[in-house]
PDB file of N, CA and C in Angstrom:
ATOM      1  N   MET A   1     110.820  57.804  88.653  1.00  0.00           N
ATOM      2  CA  MET A   1     109.371  57.880  88.668  1.00  0.00           C
ATOM      3  C   MET A   1     108.932  58.335  90.059  1.00  0.00           C
ATOM      4  N   SER A   2     108.038  59.301  90.123  1.00  0.00           N
ATOM      5  CA  SER A   2     107.592  59.812  91.415  1.00  0.00           C
ATOM      6  C   SER A   2     106.555  58.876  92.025  1.00  0.00           C
ATOM      7  N   LYS A   3     106.350  59.020  93.316  1.00  0.00           N
ATOM      8  CA  LYS A   3     105.403  58.146  93.999  1.00  0.00           C
ATOM      9  C   LYS A   3     103.969  58.404  93.574  1.00  0.00           C
ATOM     10  N   HIS A   4     103.708  59.543  92.942  1.00  0.00           N
ATOM     11  CA  HIS A   4     102.348  59.848  92.485  1.00  0.00           C
ATOM     12  C   HIS A   4     102.002  59.106  91.206  1.00  0.00           C
ATOM     13  N   GLN A   5     103.002  58.575  90.514  1.00  0.00           N
ATOM     14  CA  GLN A   5     102.741  57.907  89.245  1.00  0.00           C
ATOM     15  C   GLN A   5     102.818  56.388  89.352  1.00  0.00           C
ATOM     16  N   GLU A   6     103.089  55.829  90.508  1.00  0.00           N
ATOM     17  CA  GLU A   6     103.213  54.389  90.668  1.00  0.00           C
ATOM     18  C   GLU A   6     101.861  53.764  90.953  1.00  0.00           C
ATOM     19  N   GLY A   7     101.274  53.039  90.182  1.00  0.00           N
ATOM     20  CA  GLY A   7     100.040  52.341  90.508  1.00  0.00           C
ATOM     21  C   GLY A   7      98.812  53.220  90.376  1.00  0.00           C
ATOM     22  N   PRO A   8      97.664  52.664  90.777  1.00  0.00           N
ATOM     23  CA  PRO A   8      96.400  53.393  90.601  1.00  0.00           C
ATOM     24  C   PRO A   8      96.291  54.581  91.548  1.00  0.00           C
ATOM     25  N   ALA A   9      95.593  55.583  91.075  1.00  0.00           N
ATOM     26  CA  ALA A   9      95.401  56.794  91.874  1.00  0.00           C
ATOM     27  C   ALA A   9      94.078  56.698  92.628  1.00  0.00           C
ATOM     28  N   TYR A  10      94.119  56.973  93.908  1.00  0.00           N
ATOM     29  CA  TYR A  10      92.917  56.960  94.720  1.00  0.00           C
ATOM     30  C   TYR A  10      92.716  58.341  95.321  1.00  0.00           C
ATOM     31  N   ALA A  11      91.486  58.706  95.480  1.00  0.00           N
ATOM     32  CA  ALA A  11      91.173  59.988  96.118  1.00  0.00           C
ATOM     33  C   ALA A  11      91.473  59.883  97.610  1.00  0.00           C
ATOM     34  N   HIS A  12      91.916  60.972  98.164  1.00  0.00           N
ATOM     35  CA  HIS A  12      92.178  61.007  99.601  1.00  0.00           C
ATOM     36  C   HIS A  12      90.849  61.148 100.327  1.00  0.00           C
ATOM     37  N   VAL A  13      90.623  60.286 101.284  1.00  0.00           N
ATOM     38  CA  VAL A  13      89.371  60.318 102.034  1.00  0.00           C
ATOM     39  C   VAL A  13      89.556  61.236 103.241  1.00  0.00           C
ATOM     40  N   VAL A  14      88.708  62.248 103.318  1.00  0.00           N
ATOM     41  CA  VAL A  14      88.765  63.202 104.418  1.00  0.00           C
ATOM     42  C   VAL A  14      87.675  62.832 105.415  1.00  0.00           C
ATOM     43  N   PRO A  15      88.020  62.732 106.688  1.00  0.00           N
ATOM     44  CA  PRO A  15      86.996  62.403 107.686  1.00  0.00           C
ATOM     45  C   PRO A  15      85.888  63.460 107.735  1.00  0.00           C
ATOM     46  N   VAL A  16      84.680  63.014 108.000  1.00  0.00           N
ATOM     47  CA  VAL A  16      83.533  63.918 108.070  1.00  0.00           C
ATOM     48  C   VAL A  16      83.749  64.954 109.165  1.00  0.00           C
ATOM     49  N   ARG A  17      84.389  64.556 110.243  1.00  0.00           N
ATOM     50  CA  ARG A  17      84.654  65.487 111.345  1.00  0.00           C
ATOM     51  C   ARG A  17      85.500  66.670 110.868  1.00  0.00           C
ATOM     52  N   THR A  18      86.493  66.392 110.030  1.00  0.00           N
ATOM     53  CA  THR A  18      87.340  67.461 109.488  1.00  0.00           C
ATOM     54  C   THR A  18      86.535  68.373 108.570  1.00  0.00           C
ATOM     55  N   LEU A  19      85.723  67.777 107.710  1.00  0.00           N
ATOM     56  CA  LEU A  19      84.903  68.573 106.792  1.00  0.00           C
ATOM     57  C   LEU A  19      83.924  69.459 107.554  1.00  0.00           C
ATOM     58  N   LEU A  20      83.299  68.910 108.582  1.00  0.00           N
ATOM     59  CA  LEU A  20      82.366  69.709 109.373  1.00  0.00           C
ATOM     60  C   LEU A  20      83.081  70.796 110.164  1.00  0.00           C
ATOM     61  N   GLY A  21      84.291  70.500 110.622  1.00  0.00           N
ATOM     62  CA  GLY A  21      85.081  71.520 111.318  1.00  0.00           C
ATOM     63  C   GLY A  21      85.445  72.680 110.412  1.00  0.00           C
ATOM     64  N   VAL A  22      85.841  72.360 109.184  1.00  0.00           N
ATOM     65  CA  VAL A  22      86.165  73.416 108.222  1.00  0.00           C
ATOM     66  C   VAL A  22      84.903  74.183 107.841  1.00  0.00           C
ATOM     67  N   PHE A  23      83.797  73.484 107.674  1.00  0.00           N
ATOM     68  CA  PHE A  23      82.526  74.149 107.385  1.00  0.00           C
ATOM     69  C   PHE A  23      82.164  75.121 108.511  1.00  0.00           C
ATOM     70  N   GLY A  24      82.303  74.669 109.752  1.00  0.00           N
ATOM     71  CA  GLY A  24      82.023  75.536 110.896  1.00  0.00           C
ATOM     72  C   GLY A  24      82.946  76.748 110.927  1.00  0.00           C
ATOM     73  N   ALA A  25      84.225  76.531 110.621  1.00  0.00           N
ATOM     74  CA  ALA A  25      85.177  77.646 110.589  1.00  0.00           C
ATOM     75  C   ALA A  25      84.815  78.638 109.493  1.00  0.00           C
ATOM     76  N   LEU A  26      84.415  78.135 108.334  1.00  0.00           N
ATOM     77  CA  LEU A  26      84.023  79.024 107.239  1.00  0.00           C
ATOM     78  C   LEU A  26      82.763  79.815 107.582  1.00  0.00           C
ATOM     79  N   MET A  27      81.808  79.172 108.249  1.00  0.00           N
ATOM     80  CA  MET A  27      80.597  79.880 108.662  1.00  0.00           C
ATOM     81  C   MET A  27      80.931  80.942 109.710  1.00  0.00           C
ATOM     82  N   PHE A  28      81.792  80.608 110.661  1.00  0.00           N
ATOM     83  CA  PHE A  28      82.206  81.584 111.665  1.00  0.00           C
ATOM     84  C   PHE A  28      82.913  82.770 111.012  1.00  0.00           C
ATOM     85  N   LEU A  29      83.804  82.497 110.062  1.00  0.00           N
ATOM     86  CA  LEU A  29      84.524  83.578 109.395  1.00  0.00           C
ATOM     87  C   LEU A  29      83.594  84.433 108.539  1.00  0.00           C
ATOM     88  N   THR A  30      82.558  83.818 107.983  1.00  0.00           N
ATOM     89  CA  THR A  30      81.577  84.585 107.214  1.00  0.00           C
ATOM     90  C   THR A  30      80.814  85.538 108.131  1.00  0.00           C
ATOM     91  N   VAL A  31      80.389  85.047 109.286  1.00  0.00           N
ATOM     92  CA  VAL A  31      79.698  85.896 110.255  1.00  0.00           C
ATOM     93  C   VAL A  31      80.654  86.984 110.764  1.00  0.00           C
ATOM     94  N   LEU A  32      81.911  86.622 110.976  1.00  0.00           N
ATOM     95  CA  LEU A  32      82.901  87.604 111.421  1.00  0.00           C
ATOM     96  C   LEU A  32      83.105  88.696 110.368  1.00  0.00           C
ATOM     97  N   THR A  33      83.125  88.318 109.104  1.00  0.00           N
ATOM     98  CA  THR A  33      83.247  89.307 108.028  1.00  0.00           C
ATOM     99  C   THR A  33      82.085  90.281 108.068  1.00  0.00           C
ATOM    100  N   TYR A  34      80.890  89.755 108.266  1.00  0.00           N
ATOM    101  CA  TYR A  34      79.706  90.606 108.348  1.00  0.00           C
ATOM    102  C   TYR A  34      79.765  91.505 109.589  1.00  0.00           C
ATOM    103  N   ALA A  35      80.205  90.947 110.707  1.00  0.00           N
ATOM    104  CA  ALA A  35      80.256  91.710 111.954  1.00  0.00           C
ATOM    105  C   ALA A  35      81.293  92.825 111.894  1.00  0.00           C
ATOM    106  N   VAL A  36      82.370  92.603 111.182  1.00  0.00           N
ATOM    107  CA  VAL A  36      83.430  93.606 111.090  1.00  0.00           C
ATOM    108  C   VAL A  36      82.944  94.855 110.352  1.00  0.00           C
ATOM    109  N   THR A  37      81.926  94.714 109.523  1.00  0.00           N
ATOM    110  CA  THR A  37      81.418  95.887 108.809  1.00  0.00           C
ATOM    111  C   THR A  37      80.781  96.898 109.756  1.00  0.00           C
ATOM    112  N   TYR A  38      80.386  96.470 110.940  1.00  0.00           N
ATOM    113  CA  TYR A  38      79.784  97.368 111.917  1.00  0.00           C
ATOM    114  C   TYR A  38      80.801  98.018 112.841  1.00  0.00           C
ATOM    115  N   VAL A  39      82.052  97.629 112.732  1.00  0.00           N
ATOM    116  CA  VAL A  39      83.116  98.192 113.563  1.00  0.00           C
ATOM    117  C   VAL A  39      83.931  99.139 112.702  1.00  0.00           C
ATOM    118  N   ASP A  40      84.096 100.368 113.172  1.00  0.00           N
ATOM    119  CA  ASP A  40      84.866 101.344 112.410  1.00  0.00           C
ATOM    120  C   ASP A  40      86.337 101.247 112.798  1.00  0.00           C
ATOM    121  N   LEU A  41      87.106 100.647 111.913  1.00  0.00           N
ATOM    122  CA  LEU A  41      88.543 100.515 112.132  1.00  0.00           C
ATOM    123  C   LEU A  41      89.335 101.477 111.253  1.00  0.00           C
ATOM    124  N   GLY A  42      88.632 102.343 110.565  1.00  0.00           N
ATOM    125  CA  GLY A  42      89.306 103.288 109.675  1.00  0.00           C
ATOM    126  C   GLY A  42      89.877 102.575 108.463  1.00  0.00           C
ATOM    127  N   ALA A  43      91.137 102.838 108.187  1.00  0.00           N
ATOM    128  CA  ALA A  43      91.793 102.246 107.023  1.00  0.00           C
ATOM    129  C   ALA A  43      92.041 100.750 107.202  1.00  0.00           C
ATOM    130  N   LEU A  44      91.924 100.256 108.418  1.00  0.00           N
ATOM    131  CA  LEU A  44      92.160  98.827 108.652  1.00  0.00           C
ATOM    132  C   LEU A  44      90.980  97.947 108.255  1.00  0.00           C
ATOM    133  N   ASN A  45      89.815  98.524 108.007  1.00  0.00           N
ATOM    134  CA  ASN A  45      88.649  97.722 107.637  1.00  0.00           C
ATOM    135  C   ASN A  45      88.922  96.841 106.433  1.00  0.00           C
ATOM    136  N   ILE A  46      89.515  97.417 105.406  1.00  0.00           N
ATOM    137  CA  ILE A  46      89.771  96.645 104.189  1.00  0.00           C
ATOM    138  C   ILE A  46      90.786  95.541 104.450  1.00  0.00           C
ATOM    139  N   TRP A  47      91.785  95.821 105.291  1.00  0.00           N
ATOM    140  CA  TRP A  47      92.814  94.822 105.572  1.00  0.00           C
ATOM    141  C   TRP A  47      92.259  93.679 106.408  1.00  0.00           C
ATOM    142  N   VAL A  48      91.361  93.981 107.332  1.00  0.00           N
ATOM    143  CA  VAL A  48      90.741  92.921 108.128  1.00  0.00           C
ATOM    144  C   VAL A  48      89.867  92.046 107.236  1.00  0.00           C
ATOM    145  N   ALA A  49      89.078  92.656 106.375  1.00  0.00           N
ATOM    146  CA  ALA A  49      88.220  91.888 105.462  1.00  0.00           C
ATOM    147  C   ALA A  49      89.061  91.028 104.520  1.00  0.00           C
ATOM    148  N   LEU A  50      90.131  91.584 103.987  1.00  0.00           N
ATOM    149  CA  LEU A  50      90.993  90.804 103.102  1.00  0.00           C
ATOM    150  C   LEU A  50      91.724  89.697 103.854  1.00  0.00           C
ATOM    151  N   GLY A  51      92.096  89.951 105.091  1.00  0.00           N
ATOM    152  CA  GLY A  51      92.735  88.912 105.894  1.00  0.00           C
ATOM    153  C   GLY A  51      91.803  87.739 106.158  1.00  0.00           C
ATOM    154  N   ILE A  52      90.546  88.049 106.467  1.00  0.00           N
ATOM    155  CA  ILE A  52      89.563  86.987 106.677  1.00  0.00           C
ATOM    156  C   ILE A  52      89.342  86.212 105.378  1.00  0.00           C
ATOM    157  N   ALA A  53      89.284  86.921 104.266  1.00  0.00           N
ATOM    158  CA  ALA A  53      89.130  86.251 102.974  1.00  0.00           C
ATOM    159  C   ALA A  53      90.337  85.364 102.662  1.00  0.00           C
ATOM    160  N   LEU A  54      91.515  85.809 103.039  1.00  0.00           N
ATOM    161  CA  LEU A  54      92.726  85.007 102.843  1.00  0.00           C
ATOM    162  C   LEU A  54      92.641  83.702 103.633  1.00  0.00           C
ATOM    163  N   VAL A  55      92.189  83.784 104.878  1.00  0.00           N
ATOM    164  CA  VAL A  55      92.065  82.581 105.705  1.00  0.00           C
ATOM    165  C   VAL A  55      91.007  81.638 105.122  1.00  0.00           C
ATOM    166  N   LYS A  56      89.884  82.196 104.682  1.00  0.00           N
ATOM    167  CA  LYS A  56      88.827  81.364 104.106  1.00  0.00           C
ATOM    168  C   LYS A  56      89.286  80.688 102.816  1.00  0.00           C
ATOM    169  N   GLY A  57      89.951  81.434 101.961  1.00  0.00           N
ATOM    170  CA  GLY A  57      90.460  80.844 100.720  1.00  0.00           C
ATOM    171  C   GLY A  57      91.496  79.764 100.973  1.00  0.00           C
ATOM    172  N   THR A  58      92.334  79.987 101.965  1.00  0.00           N
ATOM    173  CA  THR A  58      93.345  78.991 102.314  1.00  0.00           C
ATOM    174  C   THR A  58      92.697  77.723 102.848  1.00  0.00           C
ATOM    175  N   LEU A  59      91.692  77.859 103.713  1.00  0.00           N
ATOM    176  CA  LEU A  59      90.986  76.685 104.235  1.00  0.00           C
ATOM    177  C   LEU A  59      90.338  75.873 103.123  1.00  0.00           C
ATOM    178  N   VAL A  60      89.663  76.548 102.223  1.00  0.00           N
ATOM    179  CA  VAL A  60      88.991  75.849 101.119  1.00  0.00           C
ATOM    180  C   VAL A  60      90.000  75.105 100.265  1.00  0.00           C
ATOM    181  N   ALA A  61      91.077  75.767  99.903  1.00  0.00           N
ATOM    182  CA  ALA A  61      92.059  75.130  99.026  1.00  0.00           C
ATOM    183  C   ALA A  61      92.799  73.989  99.725  1.00  0.00           C
ATOM    184  N   LEU A  62      93.167  74.172 100.978  1.00  0.00           N
ATOM    185  CA  LEU A  62      93.928  73.137 101.671  1.00  0.00           C
ATOM    186  C   LEU A  62      93.094  71.894 101.956  1.00  0.00           C
ATOM    187  N   VAL A  63      91.841  72.074 102.367  1.00  0.00           N
ATOM    188  CA  VAL A  63      91.040  70.919 102.758  1.00  0.00           C
ATOM    189  C   VAL A  63      90.218  70.381 101.595  1.00  0.00           C
ATOM    190  N   PHE A  64      89.429  71.241 100.950  1.00  0.00           N
ATOM    191  CA  PHE A  64      88.526  70.750  99.918  1.00  0.00           C
ATOM    192  C   PHE A  64      89.236  70.435  98.605  1.00  0.00           C
ATOM    193  N   MET A  65      90.381  71.041  98.370  1.00  0.00           N
ATOM    194  CA  MET A  65      91.171  70.719  97.172  1.00  0.00           C
ATOM    195  C   MET A  65      92.318  69.762  97.515  1.00  0.00           C
ATOM    196  N   HIS A  66      92.364  69.291  98.746  1.00  0.00           N
ATOM    197  CA  HIS A  66      93.304  68.285  99.227  1.00  0.00           C
ATOM    198  C   HIS A  66      94.760  68.710  99.151  1.00  0.00           C
ATOM    199  N   LEU A  67      95.034  70.007  99.166  1.00  0.00           N
ATOM    200  CA  LEU A  67      96.426  70.451  99.163  1.00  0.00           C
ATOM    201  C   LEU A  67      97.117  70.179 100.493  1.00  0.00           C
ATOM    202  N   LEU A  68      96.349  70.001 101.536  1.00  0.00           N
ATOM    203  CA  LEU A  68      96.912  69.715 102.847  1.00  0.00           C
ATOM    204  C   LEU A  68      97.645  68.379 102.865  1.00  0.00           C
ATOM    205  N   TRP A  69      97.200  67.450 102.049  1.00  0.00           N
ATOM    206  CA  TRP A  69      97.789  66.120 102.020  1.00  0.00           C
ATOM    207  C   TRP A  69      98.709  65.927 100.822  1.00  0.00           C
ATOM    208  N   ASP A  70      98.905  66.941 100.037  1.00  0.00           N
ATOM    209  CA  ASP A  70      99.816  66.870  98.899  1.00  0.00           C
ATOM    210  C   ASP A  70     101.164  67.420  99.333  1.00  0.00           C
ATOM    211  N   ARG A  71     102.042  67.642  98.389  1.00  0.00           N
ATOM    212  CA  ARG A  71     103.348  68.212  98.724  1.00  0.00           C
ATOM    213  C   ARG A  71     103.160  69.582  99.353  1.00  0.00           C
ATOM    214  N   LYS A  72     103.921  69.862 100.391  1.00  0.00           N
ATOM    215  CA  LYS A  72     103.790  71.128 101.131  1.00  0.00           C
ATOM    216  C   LYS A  72     104.166  72.331 100.266  1.00  0.00           C
ATOM    217  N   PHE A  73     104.966  72.112  99.246  1.00  0.00           N
ATOM    218  CA  PHE A  73     105.352  73.192  98.345  1.00  0.00           C
ATOM    219  C   PHE A  73     104.125  73.822  97.701  1.00  0.00           C
ATOM    220  N   TYR A  74     103.155  73.002  97.316  1.00  0.00           N
ATOM    221  CA  TYR A  74     101.945  73.521  96.674  1.00  0.00           C
ATOM    222  C   TYR A  74     101.138  74.391  97.629  1.00  0.00           C
ATOM    223  N   ALA A  75     101.096  74.022  98.886  1.00  0.00           N
ATOM    224  CA  ALA A  75     100.392  74.829  99.881  1.00  0.00           C
ATOM    225  C   ALA A  75     101.090  76.171 100.077  1.00  0.00           C
ATOM    226  N   VAL A  76     102.418  76.151 100.089  1.00  0.00           N
ATOM    227  CA  VAL A  76     103.181  77.401 100.230  1.00  0.00           C
ATOM    228  C   VAL A  76     102.946  78.303  99.020  1.00  0.00           C
ATOM    229  N   VAL A  77     102.922  77.727  97.834  1.00  0.00           N
ATOM    230  CA  VAL A  77     102.666  78.513  96.617  1.00  0.00           C
ATOM    231  C   VAL A  77     101.264  79.120  96.672  1.00  0.00           C
ATOM    232  N   LEU A  78     100.281  78.345  97.111  1.00  0.00           N
ATOM    233  CA  LEU A  78      98.913  78.849  97.202  1.00  0.00           C
ATOM    234  C   LEU A  78      98.813  80.009  98.178  1.00  0.00           C
ATOM    235  N   VAL A  79      99.333  79.829  99.378  1.00  0.00           N
ATOM    236  CA  VAL A  79      99.235  80.879 100.391  1.00  0.00           C
ATOM    237  C   VAL A  79      99.994  82.123  99.936  1.00  0.00           C
ATOM    238  N   SER A  80     101.142  81.948  99.301  1.00  0.00           N
ATOM    239  CA  SER A  80     101.905  83.093  98.787  1.00  0.00           C
ATOM    240  C   SER A  80     101.120  83.842  97.714  1.00  0.00           C
ATOM    241  N   ALA A  81     100.479  83.106  96.819  1.00  0.00           N
ATOM    242  CA  ALA A  81      99.691  83.744  95.770  1.00  0.00           C
ATOM    243  C   ALA A  81      98.501  84.498  96.357  1.00  0.00           C
ATOM    244  N   LEU A  82      97.801  83.888  97.309  1.00  0.00           N
ATOM    245  CA  LEU A  82      96.667  84.570  97.939  1.00  0.00           C
ATOM    246  C   LEU A  82      97.112  85.813  98.699  1.00  0.00           C
ATOM    247  N   LEU A  83      98.268  85.734  99.342  1.00  0.00           N
ATOM    248  CA  LEU A  83      98.799  86.890 100.060  1.00  0.00           C
ATOM    249  C   LEU A  83      99.136  88.028  99.090  1.00  0.00           C
ATOM    250  N   CYS A  84      99.736  87.695  97.954  1.00  0.00           N
ATOM    251  CA  CYS A  84     100.057  88.720  96.951  1.00  0.00           C
ATOM    252  C   CYS A  84      98.785  89.357  96.389  1.00  0.00           C
ATOM    253  N   VAL A  85      97.751  88.556  96.150  1.00  0.00           N
ATOM    254  CA  VAL A  85      96.480  89.103  95.660  1.00  0.00           C
ATOM    255  C   VAL A  85      95.869  90.020  96.712  1.00  0.00           C
ATOM    256  N   MET A  86      95.936  89.610  97.991  1.00  0.00           N
ATOM    257  CA  MET A  86      95.402  90.439  99.066  1.00  0.00           C
ATOM    258  C   MET A  86      96.122  91.783  99.125  1.00  0.00           C
ATOM    259  N   ILE A  87      97.429  91.769  99.031  1.00  0.00           N
ATOM    260  CA  ILE A  87      98.203  93.015  99.066  1.00  0.00           C
ATOM    261  C   ILE A  87      97.882  93.883  97.858  1.00  0.00           C
ATOM    262  N   PHE A  88      97.780  93.287  96.682  1.00  0.00           N
ATOM    263  CA  PHE A  88      97.478  94.040  95.464  1.00  0.00           C
ATOM    264  C   PHE A  88      96.109  94.708  95.558  1.00  0.00           C
ATOM    265  N   ILE A  89      95.093  93.955  95.963  1.00  0.00           N
ATOM    266  CA  ILE A  89      93.741  94.522  96.067  1.00  0.00           C
ATOM    267  C   ILE A  89      93.697  95.598  97.146  1.00  0.00           C
ATOM    268  N   GLY A  90      94.347  95.344  98.269  1.00  0.00           N
ATOM    269  CA  GLY A  90      94.363  96.332  99.349  1.00  0.00           C
ATOM    270  C   GLY A  90      94.995  97.641  98.935  1.00  0.00           C
ATOM    271  N   ILE A  91      96.116  97.584  98.248  1.00  0.00           N
ATOM    272  CA  ILE A  91      96.781  98.814  97.808  1.00  0.00           C
ATOM    273  C   ILE A  91      95.956  99.525  96.746  1.00  0.00           C
ATOM    274  N   ALA A  92      95.336  98.761  95.856  1.00  0.00           N
ATOM    275  CA  ALA A  92      94.479  99.375  94.838  1.00  0.00           C
ATOM    276  C   ALA A  92      93.275 100.067  95.472  1.00  0.00           C
ATOM    277  N   LEU A  93      92.701  99.465  96.501  1.00  0.00           N
ATOM    278  CA  LEU A  93      91.539 100.075  97.154  1.00  0.00           C
ATOM    279  C   LEU A  93      91.914 101.264  98.024  1.00  0.00           C
ATOM    280  N   LEU A  94      93.122 101.277  98.553  1.00  0.00           N
ATOM    281  CA  LEU A  94      93.554 102.438  99.332  1.00  0.00           C
ATOM    282  C   LEU A  94      93.610 103.687  98.450  1.00  0.00           C
ATOM    283  N   ASP A  95      93.943 103.492  97.205  1.00  0.00           N
ATOM    284  CA  ASP A  95      94.034 104.612  96.280  1.00  0.00           C
ATOM    285  C   ASP A  95      92.663 105.122  95.848  1.00  0.00           C
ATOM    286  N   SER A  96      91.631 104.302  95.946  1.00  0.00           N
ATOM    287  CA  SER A  96      90.325 104.698  95.424  1.00  0.00           C
ATOM    288  C   SER A  96      89.716 105.868  96.198  1.00  0.00           C
ATOM    289  N   GLY A  97      90.101 106.094  97.417  1.00  0.00           N
ATOM    290  CA  GLY A  97      89.586 107.222  98.182  1.00  0.00           C
ATOM    291  C   GLY A  97      90.052 108.567  97.662  1.00  0.00           C
ATOM    292  N   GLN A  98      91.045 108.579  96.812  1.00  0.00           N
ATOM    293  CA  GLN A  98      91.595 109.822  96.307  1.00  0.00           C
ATOM    294  C   GLN A  98      90.836 110.382  95.106  1.00  0.00           C
ATOM    295  N   TYR A  99      90.041 109.562  94.438  1.00  0.00           N
ATOM    296  CA  TYR A  99      89.417 110.061  93.213  1.00  0.00           C
ATOM    297  C   TYR A  99      87.914 109.850  93.143  1.00  0.00           C
ATOM    298  N   GLN A 100      87.296 109.121  94.023  1.00  0.00           N
ATOM    299  CA  GLN A 100      85.867 108.850  93.897  1.00  0.00           C
ATOM    300  C   GLN A 100      85.008 110.091  94.086  1.00  0.00           C
ATOM    301  N   ALA A 101      85.431 111.037  94.860  1.00  0.00           N
ATOM    302  CA  ALA A 101      84.625 112.242  95.060  1.00  0.00           C
ATOM    303  C   ALA A 101      84.513 113.045  93.767  1.00  0.00           C
ATOM    304  N   ASP A 102      85.471 112.925  92.879  1.00  0.00           N
ATOM    305  CA  ASP A 102      85.432 113.641  91.610  1.00  0.00           C
ATOM    306  C   ASP A 102      84.511 112.972  90.593  1.00  0.00           C
ATOM    307  N   LEU A 103      84.257 111.686  90.729  1.00  0.00           N
ATOM    308  CA  LEU A 103      83.509 110.957  89.717  1.00  0.00           C
ATOM    309  C   LEU A 103      82.003 111.191  89.807  1.00  0.00           C
ATOM    310  N   ILE A 104      81.453 111.230  90.995  1.00  0.00           N
ATOM    311  CA  ILE A 104      80.018 111.361  91.174  1.00  0.00           C
ATOM    312  C   ILE A 104      79.743 112.628  91.987  1.00  0.00           C
ATOM    313  N   PRO A 105      78.980 113.590  91.429  1.00  0.00           N
ATOM    314  CA  PRO A 105      78.677 114.813  92.175  1.00  0.00           C
ATOM    315  C   PRO A 105      77.938 114.489  93.475  1.00  0.00           C
ATOM    316  N   ASN A 106      78.325 115.154  94.549  1.00  0.00           N
ATOM    317  CA  ASN A 106      77.751 114.979  95.884  1.00  0.00           C
ATOM    318  C   ASN A 106      77.877 113.557  96.425  1.00  0.00           C
ATOM    319  N   PHE A 107      78.823 112.783  95.889  1.00  0.00           N
ATOM    320  CA  PHE A 107      79.040 111.418  96.367  1.00  0.00           C
ATOM    321  C   PHE A 107      79.606 111.427  97.782  1.00  0.00           C
ATOM    322  N   ALA A 108      80.576 112.298  98.008  1.00  0.00           N
ATOM    323  CA  ALA A 108      81.200 112.386  99.323  1.00  0.00           C
ATOM    324  C   ALA A 108      81.195 113.848  99.746  1.00  0.00           C
ATOM    325  N   PRO A 109      80.056 114.333 100.268  1.00  0.00           N
ATOM    326  CA  PRO A 109      79.967 115.748 100.598  1.00  0.00           C
ATOM    327  C   PRO A 109      80.928 116.177 101.697  1.00  0.00           C
ATOM    328  N   GLY A 110      81.416 115.248 102.515  1.00  0.00           N
ATOM    329  CA  GLY A 110      82.333 115.601 103.590  1.00  0.00           C
ATOM    330  C   GLY A 110      83.755 115.866 103.098  1.00  0.00           C
ATOM    331  N   ILE A 111      84.037 115.487 101.864  1.00  0.00           N
ATOM    332  CA  ILE A 111      85.378 115.684 101.320  1.00  0.00           C
ATOM    333  C   ILE A 111      85.418 116.984 100.553  1.00  0.00           C
ATOM    334  N   THR A 112      86.374 117.829 100.883  1.00  0.00           N
ATOM    335  CA  THR A 112      86.522 119.086 100.141  1.00  0.00           C
ATOM    336  C   THR A 112      87.471 118.857  98.985  1.00  0.00           C
ATOM    337  N   LEU A 113      87.055 119.326  97.826  1.00  0.00           N
ATOM    338  CA  LEU A 113      87.885 119.153  96.644  1.00  0.00           C
ATOM    339  C   LEU A 113      88.846 120.315  96.490  1.00  0.00           C
ATOM    340  N   ARG A 114      90.069 119.987  96.168  1.00  0.00           N
ATOM    341  CA  ARG A 114      91.101 120.999  95.936  1.00  0.00           C
ATOM    342  C   ARG A 114      91.306 121.137  94.434  1.00  0.00           C
ATOM    343  N   CYS A 115      90.842 122.235  93.880  1.00  0.00           N
ATOM    344  CA  CYS A 115      90.957 122.446  92.434  1.00  0.00           C
ATOM    345  C   CYS A 115      92.045 123.442  92.116  1.00  0.00           C
TER     346      CYS A 115
END
């Protein structure tokens, strides 16, 4: 029998200081996401935005879903899954620059079409 099944289950109490710290970090990362839109990093813009989203998602899941205090395996699975989603979305969006000019006339006038 595992230790999670012995006796009554109680919710893990998270200190208010920790919750406010995570809230502050999430607010800072939200402002950082907005600020990054004004910086031209070229192809890295999408990767920076996805990286910030990865950190925010990890913070929410680890603290607010209490994965930080559960088995570490679950945290590793979560971070691995979020990383795979980030890579998948990033690669899919990198490809979108190759066909959007064909879909909407005059959408990207700076791109010359090769017919």
